[in-house]
C-alpha atoms as a PDB file:
ATOM      1  CA  MET A   1      52.967  60.581 123.611  1.00  0.00           C
ATOM      2  CA  ILE A   2      51.549  63.067 126.141  1.00  0.00           C
ATOM      3  CA  LYS A   3      53.622  65.894 124.673  1.00  0.00           C
ATOM      4  CA  LYS A   4      52.389  65.088 121.166  1.00  0.00           C
ATOM      5  CA  ALA A   5      48.743  64.973 122.310  1.00  0.00           C
ATOM      6  CA  LEU A   6      49.186  68.246 124.202  1.00  0.00           C
ATOM      7  CA  ALA A   7      50.750  69.896 121.135  1.00  0.00           C
ATOM      8  CA  ILE A   8      47.851  68.755 118.924  1.00  0.00           C
ATOM      9  CA  PHE A   9      45.330  69.963 121.489  1.00  0.00           C
ATOM     10  CA  LEU A  10      47.001  73.393 121.683  1.00  0.00           C
ATOM     11  CA  LEU A  11      47.089  73.715 117.892  1.00  0.00           C
ATOM     12  CA  VAL A  12      43.403  72.849 117.618  1.00  0.00           C
ATOM     13  CA  ALA A  13      42.573  75.217 120.471  1.00  0.00           C
ATOM     14  CA  LEU A  14      44.571  78.070 118.950  1.00  0.00           C
ATOM     15  CA  PHE A  15      43.609  77.717 115.311  1.00  0.00           C
ATOM     16  CA  GLY A  16      40.480  75.599 115.187  1.00  0.00           C
ATOM     17  CA  CYS A  17      38.420  77.709 117.567  1.00  0.00           C
ATOM     18  CA  ALA A  18      39.776  81.143 116.709  1.00  0.00           C
ATOM     19  CA  PRO A  19      37.148  83.282 114.965  1.00  0.00           C
ATOM     20  CA  LYS A  20      38.022  84.436 111.493  1.00  0.00           C
ATOM     21  CA  LYS A  21      38.975  88.100 111.545  1.00  0.00           C
ATOM     22  CA  GLN A  22      36.777  89.075 108.600  1.00  0.00           C
ATOM     23  CA  ASN A  23      33.650  87.384 109.959  1.00  0.00           C
ATOM     24  CA  ALA A  24      34.186  88.763 113.458  1.00  0.00           C
ATOM     25  CA  GLU A  25      34.404  92.293 112.087  1.00  0.00           C
ATOM     26  CA  ALA A  26      31.435  91.814 109.763  1.00  0.00           C
ATOM     27  CA  GLU A  27      29.251  90.478 112.588  1.00  0.00           C
ATOM     28  CA  ARG A  28      30.361  92.960 115.234  1.00  0.00           C
ATOM     29  CA  PRO A  29      27.240  94.228 116.977  1.00  0.00           C
ATOM     30  CA  ASP A  30      26.454  97.856 117.692  1.00  0.00           C
ATOM     31  CA  LEU A  31      24.255  97.145 120.677  1.00  0.00           C
ATOM     32  CA  TYR A  32      26.123  98.999 123.369  1.00  0.00           C
ATOM     33  CA  PHE A  33      28.280 102.079 123.783  1.00  0.00           C
ATOM     34  CA  ASP A  34      31.332 101.725 121.525  1.00  0.00           C
ATOM     35  CA  ILE A  35      34.300 102.788 123.653  1.00  0.00           C
ATOM     36  CA  GLU A  36      36.772 101.627 120.980  1.00  0.00           C
ATOM     37  CA  GLN A  37      35.296 103.931 118.364  1.00  0.00           C
ATOM     38  CA  LEU A  38      35.288 106.812 120.862  1.00  0.00           C
ATOM     39  CA  LEU A  39      38.947 106.285 121.800  1.00  0.00           C
ATOM     40  CA  ASP A  40      40.054 105.867 118.186  1.00  0.00           C
ATOM     41  CA  ALA A  41      38.414 109.195 117.321  1.00  0.00           C
ATOM     42  CA  GLN A  42      39.946 110.914 120.372  1.00  0.00           C
ATOM     43  CA  GLN A  43      43.425 109.630 119.474  1.00  0.00           C
ATOM     44  CA  GLY A  44      43.115 111.240 116.070  1.00  0.00           C
ATOM     45  CA  LEU A  45      41.995 114.552 117.560  1.00  0.00           C
ATOM     46  CA  LEU A  46      44.646 114.539 120.298  1.00  0.00           C
ATOM     47  CA  ALA A  47      47.464 113.540 117.938  1.00  0.00           C
ATOM     48  CA  ASP A  48      46.867 116.635 115.814  1.00  0.00           C
ATOM     49  CA  GLU A  49      49.073 118.533 118.249  1.00  0.00           C
ATOM     50  CA  THR A  50      51.817 117.600 120.699  1.00  0.00           C
ATOM     51  CA  LEU A  51      50.249 117.656 124.154  1.00  0.00           C
ATOM     52  CA  THR A  52      51.463 117.319 127.716  1.00  0.00           C
ATOM     53  CA  LEU A  53      49.882 114.781 130.020  1.00  0.00           C
ATOM     54  CA  ASN A  54      50.147 115.675 133.719  1.00  0.00           C
ATOM     55  CA  LYS A  55      49.827 112.515 135.808  1.00  0.00           C
ATOM     56  CA  ARG A  56      49.429 112.063 139.517  1.00  0.00           C
ATOM     57  CA  VAL A  57      49.711 108.503 140.818  1.00  0.00           C
ATOM     58  CA  THR A  58      48.817 107.563 144.400  1.00  0.00           C
ATOM     59  CA  ILE A  59      49.540 104.039 145.638  1.00  0.00           C
ATOM     60  CA  ASN A  60      48.566 103.205 149.219  1.00  0.00           C
ATOM     61  CA  GLY A  61      48.760 106.866 150.202  1.00  0.00           C
ATOM     62  CA  GLU A  62      52.106 107.694 148.527  1.00  0.00           C
ATOM     63  CA  THR A  63      51.821 110.172 145.662  1.00  0.00           C
ATOM     64  CA  GLU A  64      54.096 110.909 142.721  1.00  0.00           C
ATOM     65  CA  SER A  65      53.532 113.417 139.950  1.00  0.00           C
ATOM     66  CA  PHE A  66      55.103 113.566 136.532  1.00  0.00           C
ATOM     67  CA  GLU A  67      54.415 114.758 133.035  1.00  0.00           C
ATOM     68  CA  ALA A  68      54.734 113.097 129.673  1.00  0.00           C
ATOM     69  CA  VAL A  69      54.691 114.583 126.200  1.00  0.00           C
ATOM     70  CA  ILE A  70      52.399 112.601 123.904  1.00  0.00           C
ATOM     71  CA  ALA A  71      53.047 113.245 120.234  1.00  0.00           C
ATOM     72  CA  ASN A  72      51.207 110.610 118.183  1.00  0.00           C
ATOM     73  CA  GLU A  73      48.258 108.209 118.016  1.00  0.00           C
ATOM     74  CA  LYS A  74      50.336 105.173 118.999  1.00  0.00           C
ATOM     75  CA  GLU A  75      51.386 106.848 122.262  1.00  0.00           C
ATOM     76  CA  TRP A  76      47.777 107.841 122.997  1.00  0.00           C
ATOM     77  CA  LYS A  77      46.592 104.307 122.312  1.00  0.00           C
ATOM     78  CA  SER A  78      49.085 102.965 124.869  1.00  0.00           C
ATOM     79  CA  GLN A  79      47.658 105.406 127.439  1.00  0.00           C
ATOM     80  CA  PHE A  80      44.144 104.041 126.848  1.00  0.00           C
ATOM     81  CA  GLN A  81      44.797 100.275 126.998  1.00  0.00           C
ATOM     82  CA  LEU A  82      42.675  99.678 130.110  1.00  0.00           C
ATOM     83  CA  PHE A  83      39.802 101.580 128.539  1.00  0.00           C
ATOM     84  CA  TYR A  84      40.065  99.512 125.340  1.00  0.00           C
ATOM     85  CA  ALA A  85      39.918  96.336 127.452  1.00  0.00           C
ATOM     86  CA  ALA A  86      36.572  97.555 128.816  1.00  0.00           C
ATOM     87  CA  ASN A  87      34.869  97.273 125.427  1.00  0.00           C
ATOM     88  CA  ILE A  88      31.499  95.501 125.794  1.00  0.00           C
ATOM     89  CA  ASN A  89      30.442  95.970 122.182  1.00  0.00           C
ATOM     90  CA  LYS A  90      31.648  92.489 121.167  1.00  0.00           C
ATOM     91  CA  PHE A  91      29.883  89.630 119.448  1.00  0.00           C
ATOM     92  CA  GLY A  92      30.347  87.351 122.477  1.00  0.00           C
ATOM     93  CA  LEU A  93      28.556  89.862 124.728  1.00  0.00           C
ATOM     94  CA  VAL A  94      25.310  90.170 122.782  1.00  0.00           C
ATOM     95  CA  ASP A  95      22.473  90.261 125.333  1.00  0.00           C
ATOM     96  CA  ALA A  96      24.923  90.368 128.267  1.00  0.00           C
ATOM     97  CA  TYR A  97      23.997  93.896 129.413  1.00  0.00           C
ATOM     98  CA  ASN A  98      20.852  95.839 130.210  1.00  0.00           C
ATOM     99  CA  LYS A  99      20.602  99.426 128.970  1.00  0.00           C
ATOM    100  CA  GLU A 100      18.763 102.135 130.870  1.00  0.00           C
ATOM    101  CA  THR A 101      18.476 105.797 129.935  1.00  0.00           C
ATOM    102  CA  LEU A 102      17.817 108.336 132.680  1.00  0.00           C
ATOM    103  CA  ALA A 103      16.935 112.023 132.390  1.00  0.00           C
ATOM    104  CA  VAL A 104      18.763 113.618 135.314  1.00  0.00           C
ATOM    105  CA  GLY A 105      17.619 117.195 134.642  1.00  0.00           C
ATOM    106  CA  ASP A 106      19.050 120.453 133.251  1.00  0.00           C
ATOM    107  CA  GLY A 107      19.682 118.750 129.900  1.00  0.00           C
ATOM    108  CA  ILE A 108      21.717 115.940 131.494  1.00  0.00           C
ATOM    109  CA  THR A 109      20.971 112.345 130.534  1.00  0.00           C
ATOM    110  CA  LYS A 110      22.752 109.097 131.331  1.00  0.00           C
ATOM    111  CA  ASP A 111      22.923 105.832 129.455  1.00  0.00           C
ATOM    112  CA  ILE A 112      23.748 103.019 131.875  1.00  0.00           C
ATOM    113  CA  TYR A 113      24.823  99.571 130.695  1.00  0.00           C
ATOM    114  CA  THR A 114      24.682  97.022 133.538  1.00  0.00           C
ATOM    115  CA  SER A 115      25.996  93.474 133.323  1.00  0.00           C
ATOM    116  CA  LYS A 116      23.447  90.693 133.681  1.00  0.00           C
ATOM    117  CA  SER A 117      26.147  88.415 135.145  1.00  0.00           C
ATOM    118  CA  PRO A 118      28.656  88.969 137.953  1.00  0.00           C
ATOM    119  CA  LYS A 119      31.133  86.934 135.864  1.00  0.00           C
ATOM    120  CA  ASN A 120      31.548  89.653 133.228  1.00  0.00           C
ATOM    121  CA  LEU A 121      34.666  91.754 133.750  1.00  0.00           C
ATOM    122  CA  VAL A 122      32.853  95.008 132.967  1.00  0.00           C
ATOM    123  CA  GLN A 123      29.981  95.415 135.392  1.00  0.00           C
ATOM    124  CA  VAL A 124      28.784  98.939 134.520  1.00  0.00           C
ATOM    125  CA  ILE A 125      29.370 101.549 131.839  1.00  0.00           C
ATOM    126  CA  GLU A 126      27.720 104.892 132.460  1.00  0.00           C
ATOM    127  CA  CYS A 127      27.746 107.616 129.800  1.00  0.00           C
ATOM    128  CA  ALA A 128      26.707 111.138 130.791  1.00  0.00           C
ATOM    129  CA  TYR A 129      25.526 113.679 128.240  1.00  0.00           C
ATOM    130  CA  GLN A 130      24.888 117.418 128.560  1.00  0.00           C
ATOM    131  CA  ASN A 131      22.439 118.492 125.844  1.00  0.00           C
ATOM    132  CA  GLU A 132      23.342 115.335 123.883  1.00  0.00           C
ATOM    133  CA  SER A 133      27.099 116.033 124.033  1.00  0.00           C
ATOM    134  CA  LEU A 134      29.172 113.365 125.800  1.00  0.00           C
ATOM    135  CA  THR A 135      30.720 114.736 129.006  1.00  0.00           C
ATOM    136  CA  GLU A 136      31.776 111.626 130.936  1.00  0.00           C
ATOM    137  CA  VAL A 137      32.215 107.859 130.602  1.00  0.00           C
ATOM    138  CA  ARG A 138      32.544 105.810 133.793  1.00  0.00           C
ATOM    139  CA  VAL A 139      33.444 102.114 133.694  1.00  0.00           C
ATOM    140  CA  GLN A 140      33.362  99.734 136.655  1.00  0.00           C
ATOM    141  CA  THR A 141      35.124  96.382 136.392  1.00  0.00           C
ATOM    142  CA  LYS A 142      35.332  93.514 138.830  1.00  0.00           C
ATOM    143  CA  ASP A 143      37.433  90.368 138.689  1.00  0.00           C
ATOM    144  CA  ASN A 144      37.651  87.886 141.529  1.00  0.00           C
ATOM    145  CA  ASN A 145      38.390  84.307 142.392  1.00  0.00           C
ATOM    146  CA  ILE A 146      39.535  82.403 145.484  1.00  0.00           C
ATOM    147  CA  ILE A 147      42.939  84.120 145.528  1.00  0.00           C
ATOM    148  CA  TYR A 148      42.232  87.728 144.613  1.00  0.00           C
ATOM    149  CA  GLN A 149      39.619  90.410 144.104  1.00  0.00           C
ATOM    150  CA  VAL A 150      40.193  93.449 141.914  1.00  0.00           C
ATOM    151  CA  GLU A 151      37.725  96.309 141.500  1.00  0.00           C
ATOM    152  CA  ASN A 152      38.543  99.121 139.092  1.00  0.00           C
ATOM    153  CA  GLU A 153      36.868 102.321 138.006  1.00  0.00           C
ATOM    154  CA  TYR A 154      37.859 104.173 134.846  1.00  0.00           C
ATOM    155  CA  LEU A 155      36.625 107.677 134.142  1.00  0.00           C
ATOM    156  CA  LEU A 156      36.934 109.715 130.944  1.00  0.00           C
ATOM    157  CA  ARG A 157      35.957 113.427 130.994  1.00  0.00           C
ATOM    158  CA  PHE A 158      35.178 115.507 127.927  1.00  0.00           C
ATOM    159  CA  ASN A 159      34.660 119.165 127.139  1.00  0.00           C
ATOM    160  CA  GLN A 160      33.049 120.103 123.817  1.00  0.00           C
ATOM    161  CA  GLY A 161      33.758 116.629 122.405  1.00  0.00           C
ATOM    162  CA  LEU A 162      37.443 116.523 123.342  1.00  0.00           C
ATOM    163  CA  LEU A 163      38.969 114.393 126.098  1.00  0.00           C
ATOM    164  CA  THR A 164      40.296 116.613 128.903  1.00  0.00           C
ATOM    165  CA  SER A 165      41.230 114.095 131.619  1.00  0.00           C
ATOM    166  CA  TYR A 166      40.955 110.523 132.745  1.00  0.00           C
ATOM    167  CA  THR A 167      41.173 108.707 136.050  1.00  0.00           C
ATOM    168  CA  ILE A 168      41.911 105.083 136.901  1.00  0.00           C
ATOM    169  CA  THR A 169      41.146 103.802 140.386  1.00  0.00           C
ATOM    170  CA  ALA A 170      42.020 100.251 141.463  1.00  0.00           C
ATOM    171  CA  ASN A 171      41.459  98.316 144.665  1.00  0.00           C
ATOM    172  CA  GLU A 172      43.162  94.935 144.916  1.00  0.00           C
ATOM    173  CA  SER A 173      42.934  92.313 147.641  1.00  0.00           C
ATOM    174  CA  MET A 174      45.038  89.194 147.428  1.00  0.00           C
ATOM    175  CA  ILE A 175      45.609  86.326 149.831  1.00  0.00           C
ATOM    176  CA  LEU A 176      48.942  86.624 151.678  1.00  0.00           C
ATOM    177  CA  LYS A 177      49.539  90.087 150.267  1.00  0.00           C
ATOM    178  CA  LYS A 178      48.800  93.568 151.571  1.00  0.00           C
ATOM    179  CA  ASP A 179      45.750  95.224 149.987  1.00  0.00           C
ATOM    180  CA  MET A 180      46.549  97.859 147.399  1.00  0.00           C
ATOM    181  CA  GLN A 181      44.682 101.045 146.535  1.00  0.00           C
ATOM    182  CA  MET A 182      45.815 102.968 143.487  1.00  0.00           C
ATOM    183  CA  GLU A 183      44.585 106.102 141.773  1.00  0.00           C
ATOM    184  CA  MET A 184      46.014 107.684 138.650  1.00  0.00           C
ATOM    185  CA  VAL A 185      44.698 111.054 137.482  1.00  0.00           C
ATOM    186  CA  ALA A 186      45.817 112.336 134.090  1.00  0.00           C
ATOM    187  CA  GLU A 187      45.051 115.832 132.818  1.00  0.00           C
ATOM    188  CA  ILE A 188      45.646 116.804 129.211  1.00  0.00           C
ATOM    189  CA  VAL A 189      47.271 120.212 128.836  1.00  0.00           C
ATOM    190  CA  HIS A 190      46.741 121.967 125.492  1.00  0.00           C
END
């Protein structure tokens, strides 16, 4: 009896509450910076040629370097999964962020999207522009509970509208486990 009730509950939870794909796309807001659209466009530009990605990964002070040849959009998309997960331009996040625009000087401006709640995974997205051309996107995420705390920073750098490098930094603390600091720097070689 319990198994049958659990199965019914799971079916209702999975199918009854799932938003319809067409409606979700039709109602998708354009309130915040659209990192998905940016990455989709970059994948198309980067996939036009076969490029080398030089990566340097440092975990708790130990560094390894390697290179990968990225030849198509699917491979680029897999490289950007953490950035895609940082998308705040979703229907469920309407009115969840404050936007502030700052003029830094010398033609540099920044759009800063700050979470109104500490419960949101993405806490800050900062977009830097030089004379209205995007030069950098910085994302700060934070996830914590009683057992763990994870703080990440993702950084995308651009030159003349094309992605040139990206960095992922993670700091993880977990009960009964040694803290971990990780940094991955990837440079795109044309």
